[in-house]
N, C-alpha and C. Protein backbone atom coordinates (compact mmCIF):
# COMPACT_ATOMS: atom_id res chain seq x y z
N MET A 1 117.76 121.39 -72.07
CA MET A 1 118.96 122.10 -72.47
C MET A 1 118.83 122.42 -73.95
N CYS A 2 119.37 123.52 -74.32
CA CYS A 2 119.33 123.96 -75.71
C CYS A 2 120.00 122.92 -76.60
N GLU A 3 119.20 122.24 -77.42
CA GLU A 3 119.72 121.16 -78.27
C GLU A 3 120.80 121.67 -79.23
N ASP A 4 120.57 122.86 -79.81
CA ASP A 4 121.55 123.41 -80.74
C ASP A 4 122.88 123.69 -80.06
N CYS A 5 122.81 124.12 -78.77
CA CYS A 5 124.03 124.48 -78.06
C CYS A 5 124.94 123.27 -77.86
N LEU A 6 124.35 122.10 -77.76
CA LEU A 6 125.13 120.94 -77.35
C LEU A 6 125.41 119.98 -78.49
N ALA A 7 125.12 120.37 -79.72
CA ALA A 7 125.44 119.51 -80.87
C ALA A 7 126.94 119.58 -81.12
N GLY A 8 127.47 118.59 -81.79
CA GLY A 8 128.89 118.59 -82.11
C GLY A 8 129.68 117.74 -81.15
N TYR A 9 130.86 118.19 -80.77
CA TYR A 9 131.78 117.44 -79.94
C TYR A 9 131.89 118.11 -78.58
N THR A 10 131.77 117.34 -77.51
CA THR A 10 131.83 117.87 -76.15
C THR A 10 132.94 117.16 -75.39
N HIS A 11 133.70 117.94 -74.63
CA HIS A 11 134.78 117.34 -73.85
C HIS A 11 134.94 118.10 -72.53
N CYS A 12 135.14 117.35 -71.46
CA CYS A 12 135.39 117.94 -70.15
C CYS A 12 136.85 118.43 -70.11
N VAL A 13 137.05 119.68 -69.70
CA VAL A 13 138.40 120.23 -69.64
C VAL A 13 138.84 120.59 -68.23
N HIS A 14 137.93 120.54 -67.26
CA HIS A 14 138.31 120.92 -65.89
C HIS A 14 137.31 120.31 -64.91
N VAL A 15 137.82 119.72 -63.84
CA VAL A 15 136.99 119.17 -62.77
C VAL A 15 137.52 119.71 -61.45
N THR A 16 136.61 120.17 -60.59
CA THR A 16 137.02 120.77 -59.32
C THR A 16 135.95 120.54 -58.27
N ALA A 17 136.34 120.63 -57.00
CA ALA A 17 135.38 120.55 -55.90
C ALA A 17 134.84 121.94 -55.55
N ASP A 18 135.38 122.98 -56.16
CA ASP A 18 135.03 124.37 -55.86
C ASP A 18 134.17 124.96 -56.97
N ALA A 19 132.90 125.23 -56.68
CA ALA A 19 131.98 125.76 -57.69
C ALA A 19 132.45 127.10 -58.24
N ALA A 20 132.98 127.96 -57.39
CA ALA A 20 133.47 129.27 -57.86
C ALA A 20 134.64 129.09 -58.82
N ASP A 21 135.50 128.11 -58.56
CA ASP A 21 136.61 127.83 -59.46
C ASP A 21 136.09 127.35 -60.81
N ALA A 22 135.09 126.48 -60.81
CA ALA A 22 134.50 126.01 -62.07
C ALA A 22 133.97 127.18 -62.87
N TYR A 23 133.29 128.10 -62.21
CA TYR A 23 132.76 129.28 -62.90
C TYR A 23 133.89 130.15 -63.46
N ARG A 24 134.93 130.38 -62.68
CA ARG A 24 136.08 131.18 -63.16
C ARG A 24 136.70 130.55 -64.40
N GLN A 25 136.89 129.23 -64.35
CA GLN A 25 137.49 128.55 -65.50
C GLN A 25 136.58 128.66 -66.72
N ALA A 26 135.28 128.54 -66.51
CA ALA A 26 134.33 128.68 -67.63
C ALA A 26 134.42 130.08 -68.24
N MET A 27 134.54 131.10 -67.40
CA MET A 27 134.63 132.47 -67.91
C MET A 27 135.93 132.71 -68.66
N ARG A 28 137.01 132.04 -68.25
CA ARG A 28 138.27 132.14 -68.99
C ARG A 28 138.10 131.58 -70.40
N LEU A 29 137.37 130.47 -70.50
CA LEU A 29 137.11 129.88 -71.81
C LEU A 29 136.17 130.77 -72.63
N CYS A 30 135.12 131.28 -71.99
CA CYS A 30 134.19 132.16 -72.72
C CYS A 30 134.88 133.39 -73.28
N ALA A 31 135.90 133.88 -72.58
CA ALA A 31 136.64 135.06 -73.04
C ALA A 31 137.34 134.81 -74.37
N LEU A 32 137.57 133.55 -74.72
CA LEU A 32 138.22 133.21 -75.98
C LEU A 32 137.25 133.23 -77.17
N MET A 33 135.95 133.29 -76.90
CA MET A 33 134.98 133.24 -77.98
C MET A 33 135.06 134.49 -78.84
N GLU A 34 134.94 134.29 -80.13
CA GLU A 34 134.94 135.40 -81.08
C GLU A 34 133.63 136.18 -80.97
N HIS A 35 132.55 135.45 -80.83
CA HIS A 35 131.22 136.04 -80.62
C HIS A 35 130.60 135.35 -79.43
N ARG A 36 130.08 136.14 -78.50
CA ARG A 36 129.43 135.57 -77.31
C ARG A 36 127.97 135.95 -77.29
N GLY A 37 127.16 135.00 -76.89
CA GLY A 37 125.74 135.29 -76.72
C GLY A 37 125.53 136.20 -75.52
N ASP A 38 124.41 136.89 -75.51
CA ASP A 38 124.11 137.80 -74.40
C ASP A 38 123.52 137.10 -73.20
N GLU A 39 123.09 135.84 -73.39
CA GLU A 39 122.39 135.14 -72.32
C GLU A 39 123.12 133.88 -71.87
N ALA A 40 122.85 133.51 -70.65
CA ALA A 40 123.24 132.20 -70.12
C ALA A 40 121.95 131.40 -69.95
N GLU A 41 122.09 130.09 -69.97
CA GLU A 41 120.92 129.23 -69.82
C GLU A 41 121.18 128.25 -68.69
N LEU A 42 120.17 128.06 -67.83
CA LEU A 42 120.27 127.12 -66.73
C LEU A 42 119.21 126.04 -66.90
N LEU A 43 119.58 124.82 -66.53
CA LEU A 43 118.63 123.71 -66.52
C LEU A 43 119.01 122.77 -65.38
N THR A 44 118.01 122.35 -64.62
CA THR A 44 118.25 121.38 -63.56
C THR A 44 116.96 120.65 -63.25
N HIS A 45 117.08 119.62 -62.45
CA HIS A 45 115.97 118.78 -62.03
C HIS A 45 115.99 118.82 -60.50
N LEU A 46 114.94 119.38 -59.89
CA LEU A 46 114.92 119.60 -58.44
C LEU A 46 114.00 118.59 -57.76
N GLU A 47 114.48 118.03 -56.64
CA GLU A 47 113.72 116.99 -55.97
C GLU A 47 113.35 117.30 -54.54
N SER A 48 113.78 118.45 -54.02
CA SER A 48 113.41 118.81 -52.64
C SER A 48 112.85 120.23 -52.60
N VAL A 49 111.99 120.47 -51.62
CA VAL A 49 111.38 121.80 -51.44
C VAL A 49 112.47 122.84 -51.18
N ASP A 50 113.43 122.48 -50.32
CA ASP A 50 114.50 123.41 -49.98
C ASP A 50 115.28 123.83 -51.22
N GLU A 51 115.60 122.86 -52.07
CA GLU A 51 116.36 123.18 -53.28
C GLU A 51 115.54 124.05 -54.23
N VAL A 52 114.25 123.77 -54.36
CA VAL A 52 113.38 124.60 -55.21
C VAL A 52 113.37 126.03 -54.68
N ARG A 53 113.22 126.19 -53.38
CA ARG A 53 113.17 127.54 -52.79
C ARG A 53 114.48 128.30 -53.05
N ARG A 54 115.62 127.63 -52.84
CA ARG A 54 116.91 128.29 -53.04
C ARG A 54 117.09 128.73 -54.50
N MET A 55 116.78 127.82 -55.43
CA MET A 55 116.99 128.13 -56.84
C MET A 55 115.98 129.17 -57.34
N ALA A 56 114.75 129.12 -56.84
CA ALA A 56 113.74 130.12 -57.23
C ALA A 56 114.14 131.50 -56.73
N ALA A 57 114.76 131.58 -55.55
CA ALA A 57 115.22 132.86 -55.03
C ALA A 57 116.38 133.40 -55.87
N ALA A 58 117.23 132.50 -56.35
CA ALA A 58 118.38 132.92 -57.17
C ALA A 58 117.94 133.43 -58.53
N LEU A 59 116.92 132.78 -59.12
CA LEU A 59 116.41 133.15 -60.45
C LEU A 59 114.89 133.22 -60.40
N PRO A 60 114.35 134.35 -59.93
CA PRO A 60 112.90 134.46 -59.70
C PRO A 60 112.02 134.29 -60.94
N ASN A 61 112.52 134.52 -62.12
CA ASN A 61 111.70 134.40 -63.33
C ASN A 61 111.88 133.07 -64.04
N SER A 62 112.22 132.05 -63.29
CA SER A 62 112.46 130.73 -63.87
C SER A 62 111.16 130.04 -64.25
N ARG A 63 111.31 129.04 -65.10
CA ARG A 63 110.18 128.19 -65.49
C ARG A 63 110.32 126.88 -64.74
N PHE A 64 109.26 126.46 -64.08
CA PHE A 64 109.23 125.19 -63.36
C PHE A 64 108.17 124.32 -64.00
N VAL A 65 108.53 123.08 -64.30
CA VAL A 65 107.59 122.15 -64.91
C VAL A 65 107.59 120.85 -64.11
N HIS A 66 106.38 120.40 -63.79
CA HIS A 66 106.22 119.10 -63.13
C HIS A 66 105.81 118.09 -64.19
N HIS A 67 106.66 117.10 -64.41
CA HIS A 67 106.36 116.02 -65.34
C HIS A 67 105.92 114.81 -64.53
N PRO A 68 104.76 114.28 -64.79
CA PRO A 68 104.31 113.13 -64.00
C PRO A 68 105.12 111.89 -64.32
N TYR A 69 105.16 110.99 -63.36
CA TYR A 69 105.78 109.70 -63.63
C TYR A 69 104.94 108.98 -64.67
N PRO A 70 105.55 108.13 -65.50
CA PRO A 70 104.79 107.42 -66.53
C PRO A 70 103.57 106.70 -65.95
N GLY A 71 102.44 106.88 -66.61
CA GLY A 71 101.21 106.24 -66.18
C GLY A 71 100.45 106.98 -65.10
N THR A 72 100.94 108.15 -64.68
CA THR A 72 100.23 108.93 -63.66
C THR A 72 99.91 110.31 -64.20
N ARG A 73 99.00 110.98 -63.54
CA ARG A 73 98.66 112.36 -63.90
C ARG A 73 99.35 113.29 -62.91
N PRO A 74 99.77 114.47 -63.36
CA PRO A 74 100.38 115.41 -62.42
C PRO A 74 99.38 115.85 -61.36
N SER A 75 99.90 116.20 -60.19
CA SER A 75 99.04 116.60 -59.09
C SER A 75 98.22 117.84 -59.40
N CYS A 76 98.61 118.61 -60.39
CA CYS A 76 97.86 119.82 -60.75
C CYS A 76 96.71 119.52 -61.70
N GLY A 77 96.58 118.24 -62.12
CA GLY A 77 95.46 117.86 -62.97
C GLY A 77 95.70 118.07 -64.45
N ALA A 78 96.88 118.53 -64.84
CA ALA A 78 97.17 118.76 -66.26
C ALA A 78 97.38 117.43 -66.97
N GLY A 79 97.56 117.48 -68.26
CA GLY A 79 97.76 116.29 -69.06
C GLY A 79 99.13 115.67 -68.85
N ALA A 80 99.43 114.69 -69.67
CA ALA A 80 100.66 113.92 -69.53
C ALA A 80 101.92 114.76 -69.76
N ASP A 81 101.80 115.91 -70.41
CA ASP A 81 102.95 116.77 -70.66
C ASP A 81 103.40 117.52 -69.41
N GLY A 82 102.57 117.48 -68.37
CA GLY A 82 102.93 118.14 -67.12
C GLY A 82 102.26 119.48 -66.95
N CYS A 83 102.65 120.14 -65.90
CA CYS A 83 102.07 121.45 -65.59
C CYS A 83 103.17 122.37 -65.08
N GLU A 84 102.85 123.65 -65.03
CA GLU A 84 103.80 124.64 -64.55
C GLU A 84 103.26 125.25 -63.27
N PRO A 85 103.62 124.68 -62.12
CA PRO A 85 103.11 125.22 -60.86
C PRO A 85 103.65 126.62 -60.58
N ASP A 86 102.86 127.42 -59.89
CA ASP A 86 103.24 128.78 -59.53
C ASP A 86 104.04 128.71 -58.22
N VAL A 87 105.30 128.38 -58.33
CA VAL A 87 106.16 128.09 -57.18
C VAL A 87 106.15 129.21 -56.13
N PRO A 88 106.27 130.49 -56.50
CA PRO A 88 106.36 131.53 -55.47
C PRO A 88 105.13 131.62 -54.55
N VAL A 89 103.96 131.23 -55.01
CA VAL A 89 102.76 131.38 -54.18
C VAL A 89 102.38 130.10 -53.45
N MET A 90 103.09 129.02 -53.69
CA MET A 90 102.76 127.74 -53.06
C MET A 90 103.42 127.61 -51.69
N ASP A 91 102.70 126.99 -50.74
CA ASP A 91 103.35 126.67 -49.47
C ASP A 91 104.14 125.38 -49.66
N ASP A 92 104.93 125.03 -48.67
CA ASP A 92 105.84 123.89 -48.81
C ASP A 92 105.10 122.58 -49.07
N ARG A 93 103.96 122.38 -48.44
CA ARG A 93 103.21 121.14 -48.64
C ARG A 93 102.68 121.04 -50.07
N GLU A 94 102.16 122.14 -50.60
CA GLU A 94 101.68 122.15 -52.00
C GLU A 94 102.84 121.90 -52.96
N LEU A 95 103.96 122.54 -52.67
CA LEU A 95 105.12 122.39 -53.54
C LEU A 95 105.63 120.95 -53.53
N GLU A 96 105.65 120.34 -52.37
CA GLU A 96 106.14 118.96 -52.27
C GLU A 96 105.30 118.01 -53.12
N ALA A 97 104.01 118.29 -53.26
CA ALA A 97 103.13 117.44 -54.07
C ALA A 97 103.48 117.53 -55.56
N HIS A 98 104.21 118.57 -55.96
CA HIS A 98 104.57 118.77 -57.37
C HIS A 98 105.99 118.30 -57.70
N LEU A 99 106.70 117.78 -56.72
CA LEU A 99 108.07 117.33 -56.96
C LEU A 99 108.07 116.01 -57.70
N PRO A 100 109.07 115.74 -58.50
CA PRO A 100 110.21 116.59 -58.84
C PRO A 100 109.82 117.65 -59.88
N LEU A 101 110.62 118.70 -59.94
CA LEU A 101 110.39 119.79 -60.88
C LEU A 101 111.60 119.97 -61.79
N GLU A 102 111.32 120.22 -63.06
CA GLU A 102 112.37 120.63 -63.99
C GLU A 102 112.40 122.14 -63.96
N MET A 103 113.58 122.72 -63.80
CA MET A 103 113.73 124.17 -63.76
C MET A 103 114.58 124.61 -64.94
N SER A 104 114.14 125.65 -65.63
CA SER A 104 114.93 126.24 -66.70
C SER A 104 114.84 127.75 -66.61
N ALA A 105 115.90 128.41 -67.04
CA ALA A 105 115.93 129.87 -67.00
C ALA A 105 116.94 130.38 -68.01
N ARG A 106 116.65 131.54 -68.54
CA ARG A 106 117.60 132.30 -69.36
C ARG A 106 117.75 133.65 -68.68
N PHE A 107 118.98 134.12 -68.64
CA PHE A 107 119.24 135.41 -68.01
C PHE A 107 120.43 136.06 -68.67
N VAL A 108 120.54 137.37 -68.49
CA VAL A 108 121.65 138.11 -69.09
C VAL A 108 122.96 137.61 -68.49
N ARG A 109 123.86 137.25 -69.37
CA ARG A 109 125.17 136.71 -68.97
C ARG A 109 125.84 137.65 -67.97
N GLY A 110 126.34 137.07 -66.87
CA GLY A 110 127.06 137.85 -65.87
C GLY A 110 126.20 138.48 -64.80
N THR A 111 124.88 138.26 -64.83
CA THR A 111 124.00 138.92 -63.87
C THR A 111 123.51 138.02 -62.74
N ALA A 112 123.56 136.71 -62.90
CA ALA A 112 122.96 135.84 -61.88
C ALA A 112 123.81 134.63 -61.51
N GLU A 113 124.93 134.44 -62.16
CA GLU A 113 125.73 133.25 -61.90
C GLU A 113 126.16 133.15 -60.44
N ASP A 114 126.55 134.26 -59.81
CA ASP A 114 126.95 134.23 -58.41
C ASP A 114 125.81 133.76 -57.52
N ARG A 115 124.59 134.21 -57.80
CA ARG A 115 123.42 133.78 -57.02
C ARG A 115 123.16 132.29 -57.21
N VAL A 116 123.33 131.80 -58.44
CA VAL A 116 123.13 130.37 -58.70
C VAL A 116 124.14 129.55 -57.91
N ILE A 117 125.40 129.95 -57.93
CA ILE A 117 126.44 129.22 -57.20
C ILE A 117 126.14 129.21 -55.70
N ALA A 118 125.71 130.35 -55.17
CA ALA A 118 125.38 130.42 -53.74
C ALA A 118 124.17 129.54 -53.40
N ALA A 119 123.28 129.32 -54.35
CA ALA A 119 122.06 128.54 -54.10
C ALA A 119 122.25 127.04 -54.27
N LEU A 120 123.42 126.61 -54.74
CA LEU A 120 123.62 125.20 -55.04
C LEU A 120 123.39 124.28 -53.85
N GLY A 121 123.88 124.63 -52.68
CA GLY A 121 123.78 123.73 -51.54
C GLY A 121 124.78 122.59 -51.66
N ASP A 122 124.69 121.66 -50.74
CA ASP A 122 125.67 120.58 -50.67
C ASP A 122 125.31 119.35 -51.48
N ASN A 123 124.05 119.17 -51.79
CA ASN A 123 123.68 117.97 -52.55
C ASN A 123 122.49 118.26 -53.45
N GLY A 124 122.22 117.32 -54.31
CA GLY A 124 121.13 117.47 -55.28
C GLY A 124 121.63 117.06 -56.65
N ASN A 125 120.75 117.18 -57.63
CA ASN A 125 121.08 116.82 -59.01
C ASN A 125 122.01 117.87 -59.63
N ALA A 126 122.55 117.51 -60.77
CA ALA A 126 123.43 118.44 -61.49
C ALA A 126 122.65 119.68 -61.92
N VAL A 127 123.32 120.81 -61.87
CA VAL A 127 122.78 122.09 -62.34
C VAL A 127 123.66 122.52 -63.51
N PHE A 128 123.05 122.69 -64.68
CA PHE A 128 123.80 123.03 -65.88
C PHE A 128 123.68 124.51 -66.19
N LEU A 129 124.81 125.16 -66.40
CA LEU A 129 124.84 126.53 -66.93
C LEU A 129 125.57 126.46 -68.26
N VAL A 130 124.99 127.11 -69.28
CA VAL A 130 125.57 127.10 -70.62
C VAL A 130 125.68 128.53 -71.13
N TRP A 131 126.85 128.83 -71.70
CA TRP A 131 127.09 130.11 -72.35
C TRP A 131 127.42 129.80 -73.80
N SER A 132 126.58 130.23 -74.71
CA SER A 132 126.77 129.96 -76.14
C SER A 132 127.57 131.07 -76.79
N GLY A 133 128.16 130.75 -77.91
CA GLY A 133 128.92 131.73 -78.68
C GLY A 133 129.48 131.08 -79.91
N ARG A 134 130.62 131.58 -80.35
CA ARG A 134 131.29 131.01 -81.52
C ARG A 134 132.79 131.15 -81.31
N TRP A 135 133.48 130.01 -81.41
CA TRP A 135 134.93 130.03 -81.31
C TRP A 135 135.53 130.66 -82.57
N PRO A 136 136.69 131.29 -82.48
CA PRO A 136 137.33 131.82 -83.69
C PRO A 136 137.82 130.66 -84.56
N ASP A 137 137.90 130.89 -85.83
CA ASP A 137 138.47 129.89 -86.74
C ASP A 137 139.99 129.93 -86.60
N ARG A 138 140.54 128.81 -86.18
CA ARG A 138 142.00 128.63 -86.09
C ARG A 138 142.32 127.26 -86.66
N PRO A 139 142.13 127.10 -88.00
CA PRO A 139 142.31 125.78 -88.61
C PRO A 139 143.70 125.20 -88.38
N GLU A 140 144.70 126.05 -88.24
CA GLU A 140 146.05 125.55 -88.00
C GLU A 140 146.17 124.84 -86.65
N HIS A 141 145.19 125.10 -85.76
CA HIS A 141 145.15 124.45 -84.44
C HIS A 141 143.98 123.48 -84.32
N GLY A 142 143.31 123.23 -85.44
CA GLY A 142 142.19 122.29 -85.44
C GLY A 142 140.88 122.88 -84.95
N LEU A 143 140.80 124.20 -84.79
CA LEU A 143 139.59 124.83 -84.28
C LEU A 143 138.81 125.48 -85.42
N HIS A 144 137.55 125.10 -85.53
CA HIS A 144 136.65 125.63 -86.56
C HIS A 144 135.37 126.09 -85.87
N GLY A 145 135.12 127.41 -85.88
CA GLY A 145 133.95 127.96 -85.23
C GLY A 145 132.65 127.43 -85.82
N SER A 146 131.63 127.35 -84.98
CA SER A 146 130.34 126.81 -85.39
C SER A 146 129.23 127.44 -84.56
N ARG A 147 128.01 127.35 -85.05
CA ARG A 147 126.88 127.92 -84.31
C ARG A 147 126.54 127.08 -83.08
N HIS A 148 127.17 125.93 -82.91
CA HIS A 148 126.91 125.05 -81.77
C HIS A 148 127.95 125.21 -80.66
N ASP A 149 128.84 126.17 -80.78
CA ASP A 149 129.91 126.34 -79.80
C ASP A 149 129.34 126.83 -78.47
N ALA A 150 129.94 126.33 -77.37
CA ALA A 150 129.47 126.73 -76.04
C ALA A 150 130.46 126.27 -74.98
N VAL A 151 130.29 126.88 -73.82
CA VAL A 151 130.96 126.43 -72.60
C VAL A 151 129.85 126.06 -71.64
N GLN A 152 130.03 124.95 -70.95
CA GLN A 152 129.01 124.47 -70.02
C GLN A 152 129.67 124.07 -68.71
N VAL A 153 129.04 124.42 -67.60
CA VAL A 153 129.46 123.88 -66.31
C VAL A 153 128.34 122.98 -65.82
N ALA A 154 128.71 121.77 -65.45
CA ALA A 154 127.79 120.85 -64.79
C ALA A 154 128.14 120.92 -63.31
N PHE A 155 127.47 121.85 -62.59
CA PHE A 155 127.69 121.92 -61.15
C PHE A 155 127.13 120.64 -60.54
N ARG A 156 127.89 119.99 -59.72
CA ARG A 156 127.54 118.71 -59.11
C ARG A 156 127.30 117.64 -60.17
N GLY A 157 127.95 117.78 -61.33
CA GLY A 157 127.78 116.82 -62.42
C GLY A 157 129.04 116.02 -62.65
N ASN A 158 128.89 114.76 -62.92
CA ASN A 158 130.00 113.87 -63.20
C ASN A 158 130.69 114.29 -64.49
N HIS A 159 132.02 114.26 -64.53
CA HIS A 159 132.72 114.74 -65.72
C HIS A 159 132.51 113.82 -66.93
N ALA A 160 132.29 112.52 -66.71
CA ALA A 160 132.08 111.61 -67.83
C ALA A 160 130.64 111.66 -68.33
N ASP A 161 129.70 111.79 -67.41
CA ASP A 161 128.27 111.90 -67.76
C ASP A 161 127.69 113.02 -66.92
N PRO A 162 127.61 114.23 -67.45
CA PRO A 162 127.18 115.38 -66.66
C PRO A 162 125.82 115.22 -66.00
N ALA A 163 124.97 114.33 -66.52
CA ALA A 163 123.64 114.15 -65.93
C ALA A 163 123.69 113.35 -64.64
N LEU A 164 124.81 112.68 -64.37
CA LEU A 164 124.93 111.91 -63.14
C LEU A 164 125.40 112.83 -62.02
N PRO A 165 124.69 112.86 -60.89
CA PRO A 165 125.10 113.72 -59.78
C PRO A 165 126.48 113.35 -59.26
N SER A 166 127.18 114.36 -58.79
CA SER A 166 128.55 114.19 -58.29
C SER A 166 128.81 115.29 -57.28
N GLY A 167 129.80 115.10 -56.45
CA GLY A 167 130.19 116.15 -55.51
C GLY A 167 131.17 117.13 -56.12
N ARG A 168 131.43 116.99 -57.40
CA ARG A 168 132.40 117.85 -58.08
C ARG A 168 131.69 118.64 -59.19
N HIS A 169 132.41 119.56 -59.78
CA HIS A 169 131.87 120.44 -60.81
C HIS A 169 132.74 120.30 -62.06
N ALA A 170 132.12 120.07 -63.20
CA ALA A 170 132.85 119.78 -64.42
C ALA A 170 132.60 120.85 -65.48
N VAL A 171 133.67 121.37 -66.05
CA VAL A 171 133.59 122.38 -67.11
C VAL A 171 133.77 121.65 -68.44
N HIS A 172 132.82 121.86 -69.35
CA HIS A 172 132.84 121.22 -70.66
C HIS A 172 132.92 122.27 -71.76
N VAL A 173 133.62 121.91 -72.83
CA VAL A 173 133.71 122.76 -74.02
C VAL A 173 132.96 122.05 -75.14
N HIS A 174 132.11 122.80 -75.84
CA HIS A 174 131.37 122.29 -76.99
C HIS A 174 131.95 122.93 -78.24
N VAL A 175 132.40 122.09 -79.16
CA VAL A 175 132.97 122.55 -80.42
C VAL A 175 132.33 121.76 -81.54
N SER A 176 132.61 122.16 -82.77
CA SER A 176 132.09 121.41 -83.92
C SER A 176 132.76 120.05 -83.98
N LYS A 177 132.09 119.12 -84.65
CA LYS A 177 132.69 117.79 -84.84
C LYS A 177 134.00 117.91 -85.61
N GLN A 178 134.06 118.88 -86.52
CA GLN A 178 135.27 119.09 -87.30
C GLN A 178 136.44 119.49 -86.39
N SER A 179 136.15 120.25 -85.34
CA SER A 179 137.21 120.67 -84.41
C SER A 179 137.68 119.50 -83.56
N GLY A 180 136.74 118.76 -83.02
CA GLY A 180 137.07 117.58 -82.23
C GLY A 180 138.02 117.84 -81.08
N HIS A 181 138.74 116.80 -80.69
CA HIS A 181 139.62 116.85 -79.53
C HIS A 181 140.76 117.85 -79.72
N ARG A 182 141.27 117.96 -80.92
CA ARG A 182 142.39 118.88 -81.17
C ARG A 182 141.97 120.33 -80.89
N GLY A 183 140.76 120.71 -81.33
CA GLY A 183 140.26 122.05 -81.07
C GLY A 183 140.06 122.31 -79.58
N VAL A 184 139.56 121.30 -78.87
CA VAL A 184 139.37 121.42 -77.41
C VAL A 184 140.71 121.61 -76.72
N GLU A 185 141.70 120.83 -77.10
CA GLU A 185 143.03 120.97 -76.49
C GLU A 185 143.60 122.37 -76.71
N TYR A 186 143.41 122.91 -77.90
CA TYR A 186 143.89 124.26 -78.19
C TYR A 186 143.20 125.27 -77.27
N LEU A 187 141.87 125.18 -77.15
CA LEU A 187 141.13 126.13 -76.29
C LEU A 187 141.58 126.02 -74.84
N ALA A 188 141.70 124.81 -74.34
CA ALA A 188 142.12 124.61 -72.94
C ALA A 188 143.50 125.21 -72.71
N ALA A 189 144.40 125.00 -73.66
CA ALA A 189 145.76 125.55 -73.52
C ALA A 189 145.73 127.08 -73.55
N GLN A 190 144.93 127.66 -74.44
CA GLN A 190 144.83 129.11 -74.54
C GLN A 190 144.28 129.73 -73.26
N ALA A 191 143.32 129.05 -72.63
CA ALA A 191 142.70 129.57 -71.42
C ALA A 191 143.49 129.21 -70.17
N GLY A 192 144.49 128.34 -70.29
CA GLY A 192 145.23 127.89 -69.13
C GLY A 192 144.41 126.99 -68.23
N VAL A 193 143.47 126.29 -68.82
CA VAL A 193 142.59 125.39 -68.07
C VAL A 193 143.12 123.98 -68.20
N HIS A 194 143.23 123.30 -67.06
CA HIS A 194 143.72 121.93 -67.07
C HIS A 194 142.86 121.07 -66.17
N PRO A 195 142.61 119.83 -66.57
CA PRO A 195 141.81 118.93 -65.72
C PRO A 195 142.48 118.67 -64.38
């Protein structure tokens, strides 16, 4: 995940069982940004062939990396840093030998989110989508824009720890440390988003 995007203060503002609802709420928050980035970023950890196939179909230009377990070499023979298997040309048996895979992708905001949501399936690890930007300065409401501002959805991610898998979807707001909880409350109220 983009380290710069997630610096500062992070708070969950909405939890739902409906992935489309999580996306809608995230877009309501993104609409409040003074400056919005042109791209969205996805990151997930895939452990099944079926999930890899679904996510690769949703975002065909994704990067897949196989990181070996500590003390082992990746099945592709690369060094300890892992390898990047050519997922589209591999059969299921070859692909299974490379699991688990870390998947990352950047894409033009608004062009692939629907495909990602459709590819989620019923179970698996959390899938993170992040939209970066900059909140407007509203010091009277405790909000101070920063280069680390973002909205993130942890699809199938626990609201307290987004990296923990969950059957729910959590929308998080990233603000500067100076903004803190007061800035998050202001944004949530402005967007009409409630936990």
